[in-house]
Amino acid sequence: MKIEEPNIKFFREKITLNFTFILLLLIFSFGFGIVIFEYLNNFKPFGAKLSYFISGQFTIYLSILLIFIYNKQVLKLEKKYEISY
């Protein structure tokens, strides 16, 4: 069974989208929460250290936001390649 060319392009774009979102989560959780930890601890919004807020709380908010963005982008890809499930 040969896989059609549009399906290959669809899955490549979908995988690229997945890796982009994973990279964003990695940058926010690891990069801001651990790498520049000391600098962010100088700021205390709402009584908590900013590094805690970004690495913990903001990552949860970002994950939920990325789920909705991912859904919207995949629907656009499905329309583009005329794929329906």
N, C-alpha and C. Protein backbone atom coordinates (compact mmCIF):
# COMPACT_ATOMS: atom_id res chain seq x y z
N MET A 1 0.84 -1.18 0.00
CA MET A 1 0.00 0.00 0.00
C MET A 1 0.88 1.24 0.00
N LYS A 2 0.68 2.09 -0.97
CA LYS A 2 1.47 3.30 -1.09
C LYS A 2 0.75 4.47 -0.43
N ILE A 3 1.50 5.24 0.35
CA ILE A 3 0.92 6.41 1.01
C ILE A 3 0.93 7.57 0.02
N GLU A 4 -0.18 8.27 -0.05
CA GLU A 4 -0.31 9.37 -0.99
C GLU A 4 0.55 10.55 -0.56
N GLU A 5 1.00 11.34 -1.53
CA GLU A 5 1.86 12.49 -1.27
C GLU A 5 1.22 13.54 -0.36
N PRO A 6 -0.05 13.91 -0.56
CA PRO A 6 -0.64 14.90 0.36
C PRO A 6 -0.65 14.45 1.82
N ASN A 7 -0.84 13.15 2.03
CA ASN A 7 -0.83 12.64 3.41
C ASN A 7 0.55 12.78 4.04
N ILE A 8 1.59 12.54 3.26
CA ILE A 8 2.95 12.69 3.79
C ILE A 8 3.21 14.14 4.16
N LYS A 9 2.80 15.08 3.30
CA LYS A 9 2.98 16.49 3.59
C LYS A 9 2.17 16.91 4.82
N PHE A 10 0.97 16.38 4.92
CA PHE A 10 0.11 16.68 6.08
C PHE A 10 0.79 16.25 7.37
N PHE A 11 1.28 15.02 7.41
CA PHE A 11 1.90 14.52 8.63
C PHE A 11 3.22 15.22 8.93
N ARG A 12 3.96 15.63 7.92
CA ARG A 12 5.19 16.39 8.15
C ARG A 12 4.87 17.74 8.79
N GLU A 13 3.85 18.41 8.28
CA GLU A 13 3.47 19.69 8.86
C GLU A 13 2.93 19.52 10.28
N LYS A 14 2.22 18.44 10.50
CA LYS A 14 1.67 18.17 11.83
C LYS A 14 2.79 17.87 12.82
N ILE A 15 3.77 17.11 12.42
CA ILE A 15 4.91 16.81 13.29
C ILE A 15 5.72 18.08 13.56
N THR A 16 5.88 18.92 12.55
CA THR A 16 6.58 20.19 12.75
C THR A 16 5.84 21.05 13.76
N LEU A 17 4.54 21.06 13.68
CA LEU A 17 3.72 21.81 14.63
C LEU A 17 3.90 21.26 16.04
N ASN A 18 3.91 19.93 16.19
CA ASN A 18 4.12 19.30 17.49
C ASN A 18 5.46 19.70 18.08
N PHE A 19 6.52 19.59 17.29
CA PHE A 19 7.85 19.93 17.80
C PHE A 19 7.98 21.41 18.14
N THR A 20 7.29 22.27 17.40
CA THR A 20 7.31 23.69 17.71
C THR A 20 6.69 23.96 19.08
N PHE A 21 5.56 23.32 19.35
CA PHE A 21 4.89 23.52 20.63
C PHE A 21 5.70 22.91 21.78
N ILE A 22 6.32 21.77 21.54
CA ILE A 22 7.16 21.17 22.57
C ILE A 22 8.35 22.07 22.87
N LEU A 23 8.92 22.66 21.84
CA LEU A 23 10.04 23.59 22.02
C LEU A 23 9.61 24.81 22.82
N LEU A 24 8.44 25.35 22.55
CA LEU A 24 7.93 26.48 23.33
C LEU A 24 7.78 26.12 24.81
N LEU A 25 7.21 24.96 25.08
CA LEU A 25 7.06 24.53 26.47
C LEU A 25 8.41 24.34 27.14
N LEU A 26 9.37 23.79 26.41
CA LEU A 26 10.70 23.58 26.96
C LEU A 26 11.37 24.91 27.28
N ILE A 27 11.24 25.89 26.38
CA ILE A 27 11.85 27.20 26.61
C ILE A 27 11.25 27.87 27.84
N PHE A 28 9.93 27.82 27.97
CA PHE A 28 9.32 28.49 29.11
C PHE A 28 9.56 27.76 30.42
N SER A 29 9.42 26.46 30.43
CA SER A 29 9.57 25.75 31.70
C SER A 29 11.03 25.60 32.10
N PHE A 30 11.86 25.16 31.19
CA PHE A 30 13.27 24.93 31.52
C PHE A 30 14.07 26.22 31.43
N GLY A 31 13.92 26.93 30.34
CA GLY A 31 14.72 28.13 30.10
C GLY A 31 14.48 29.21 31.12
N PHE A 32 13.23 29.63 31.30
CA PHE A 32 12.95 30.72 32.22
C PHE A 32 12.94 30.26 33.68
N GLY A 33 12.52 29.04 33.92
CA GLY A 33 12.41 28.56 35.29
C GLY A 33 13.71 28.09 35.90
N ILE A 34 14.66 27.63 35.10
CA ILE A 34 15.88 27.05 35.65
C ILE A 34 17.12 27.84 35.23
N VAL A 35 17.24 28.15 33.96
CA VAL A 35 18.46 28.78 33.47
C VAL A 35 18.62 30.20 34.02
N ILE A 36 17.58 31.02 33.94
CA ILE A 36 17.69 32.38 34.48
C ILE A 36 16.93 32.50 35.80
N PHE A 37 17.06 31.45 36.60
CA PHE A 37 16.39 31.33 37.89
C PHE A 37 16.73 32.48 38.84
N GLU A 38 18.01 32.77 39.01
CA GLU A 38 18.45 33.79 39.96
C GLU A 38 17.93 35.17 39.61
N TYR A 39 17.96 35.51 38.33
CA TYR A 39 17.49 36.84 37.92
C TYR A 39 15.99 36.99 38.16
N LEU A 40 15.23 35.96 37.85
CA LEU A 40 13.78 36.04 38.02
C LEU A 40 13.34 36.04 39.47
N ASN A 41 14.19 35.55 40.37
CA ASN A 41 13.83 35.54 41.79
C ASN A 41 13.85 36.94 42.40
N ASN A 42 14.41 37.91 41.72
CA ASN A 42 14.41 39.29 42.21
C ASN A 42 13.02 39.92 42.14
N PHE A 43 12.15 39.37 41.32
CA PHE A 43 10.80 39.89 41.16
C PHE A 43 9.81 38.98 41.89
N LYS A 44 8.87 39.60 42.61
CA LYS A 44 7.90 38.81 43.37
C LYS A 44 6.48 39.32 43.13
N PRO A 45 5.90 39.01 41.96
CA PRO A 45 4.50 39.40 41.76
C PRO A 45 3.58 38.47 42.55
N PHE A 46 2.57 39.01 43.14
CA PHE A 46 1.57 38.24 43.91
C PHE A 46 2.19 37.48 45.08
N GLY A 47 3.35 37.90 45.54
CA GLY A 47 3.98 37.29 46.71
C GLY A 47 4.80 36.04 46.42
N ALA A 48 4.82 35.56 45.20
CA ALA A 48 5.62 34.38 44.85
C ALA A 48 6.77 34.79 43.95
N LYS A 49 7.84 34.03 44.01
CA LYS A 49 8.99 34.34 43.15
C LYS A 49 8.60 34.11 41.69
N LEU A 50 9.09 34.99 40.82
CA LEU A 50 8.70 34.94 39.42
C LEU A 50 9.17 33.65 38.74
N SER A 51 10.31 33.12 39.15
CA SER A 51 10.79 31.87 38.54
C SER A 51 9.83 30.72 38.83
N TYR A 52 9.26 30.69 40.04
CA TYR A 52 8.27 29.67 40.38
C TYR A 52 7.02 29.84 39.52
N PHE A 53 6.58 31.10 39.40
CA PHE A 53 5.37 31.37 38.64
C PHE A 53 5.53 30.95 37.19
N ILE A 54 6.67 31.28 36.58
CA ILE A 54 6.88 30.96 35.17
C ILE A 54 7.07 29.46 34.97
N SER A 55 7.91 28.85 35.80
CA SER A 55 8.18 27.43 35.57
C SER A 55 7.01 26.53 35.96
N GLY A 56 6.22 26.94 36.91
CA GLY A 56 5.10 26.10 37.35
C GLY A 56 3.77 26.53 36.79
N GLN A 57 3.33 27.68 37.23
CA GLN A 57 1.98 28.12 36.89
C GLN A 57 1.82 28.51 35.43
N PHE A 58 2.74 29.32 34.94
CA PHE A 58 2.61 29.80 33.57
C PHE A 58 2.73 28.66 32.56
N THR A 59 3.52 27.65 32.87
CA THR A 59 3.65 26.51 31.98
C THR A 59 2.33 25.77 31.85
N ILE A 60 1.57 25.69 32.92
CA ILE A 60 0.25 25.07 32.85
C ILE A 60 -0.68 25.89 31.96
N TYR A 61 -0.68 27.21 32.16
CA TYR A 61 -1.51 28.08 31.32
C TYR A 61 -1.10 27.99 29.86
N LEU A 62 0.20 27.97 29.63
CA LEU A 62 0.71 27.88 28.26
C LEU A 62 0.32 26.56 27.62
N SER A 63 0.36 25.48 28.37
CA SER A 63 -0.02 24.16 27.85
C SER A 63 -1.48 24.16 27.41
N ILE A 64 -2.34 24.71 28.23
CA ILE A 64 -3.77 24.76 27.88
C ILE A 64 -3.99 25.63 26.65
N LEU A 65 -3.31 26.77 26.59
CA LEU A 65 -3.42 27.64 25.42
C LEU A 65 -2.92 26.94 24.16
N LEU A 66 -1.81 26.22 24.27
CA LEU A 66 -1.27 25.52 23.11
C LEU A 66 -2.17 24.40 22.62
N ILE A 67 -2.94 23.79 23.51
CA ILE A 67 -3.89 22.77 23.10
C ILE A 67 -4.94 23.36 22.16
N PHE A 68 -5.46 24.53 22.53
CA PHE A 68 -6.46 25.17 21.68
C PHE A 68 -5.86 25.66 20.36
N ILE A 69 -4.65 26.21 20.42
CA ILE A 69 -3.98 26.65 19.19
C ILE A 69 -3.68 25.47 18.29
N TYR A 70 -3.23 24.36 18.88
CA TYR A 70 -2.92 23.16 18.12
C TYR A 70 -4.17 22.63 17.41
N ASN A 71 -5.29 22.61 18.11
CA ASN A 71 -6.54 22.14 17.53
C ASN A 71 -6.92 22.99 16.33
N LYS A 72 -6.81 24.30 16.48
CA LYS A 72 -7.16 25.20 15.38
C LYS A 72 -6.23 25.02 14.18
N GLN A 73 -4.94 24.85 14.44
CA GLN A 73 -3.98 24.67 13.36
C GLN A 73 -4.17 23.33 12.63
N VAL A 74 -4.47 22.28 13.38
CA VAL A 74 -4.70 20.98 12.75
C VAL A 74 -5.96 21.01 11.90
N LEU A 75 -6.99 21.70 12.36
CA LEU A 75 -8.19 21.82 11.54
C LEU A 75 -7.91 22.56 10.23
N LYS A 76 -7.04 23.58 10.29
CA LYS A 76 -6.65 24.28 9.07
C LYS A 76 -5.87 23.35 8.13
N LEU A 77 -4.99 22.54 8.72
CA LEU A 77 -4.23 21.58 7.90
C LEU A 77 -5.15 20.55 7.26
N GLU A 78 -6.14 20.09 8.00
CA GLU A 78 -7.08 19.11 7.45
C GLU A 78 -7.87 19.70 6.30
N LYS A 79 -8.26 20.96 6.41
CA LYS A 79 -8.96 21.60 5.30
C LYS A 79 -8.03 21.80 4.11
N LYS A 80 -6.79 22.17 4.39
CA LYS A 80 -5.81 22.41 3.33
C LYS A 80 -5.56 21.16 2.50
N TYR A 81 -5.40 20.03 3.18
CA TYR A 81 -5.13 18.77 2.49
C TYR A 81 -6.36 17.92 2.27
N GLU A 82 -7.52 18.46 2.59
CA GLU A 82 -8.80 17.79 2.39
C GLU A 82 -8.83 16.41 3.06
N ILE A 83 -8.48 16.39 4.30
CA ILE A 83 -8.47 15.15 5.06
C ILE A 83 -9.62 15.21 6.06
N SER A 84 -10.39 14.14 6.13
CA SER A 84 -11.48 14.07 7.10
C SER A 84 -11.42 12.71 7.78
N TYR A 85 -11.80 12.68 9.04
CA TYR A 85 -11.77 11.44 9.80
C TYR A 85 -13.17 11.00 10.11
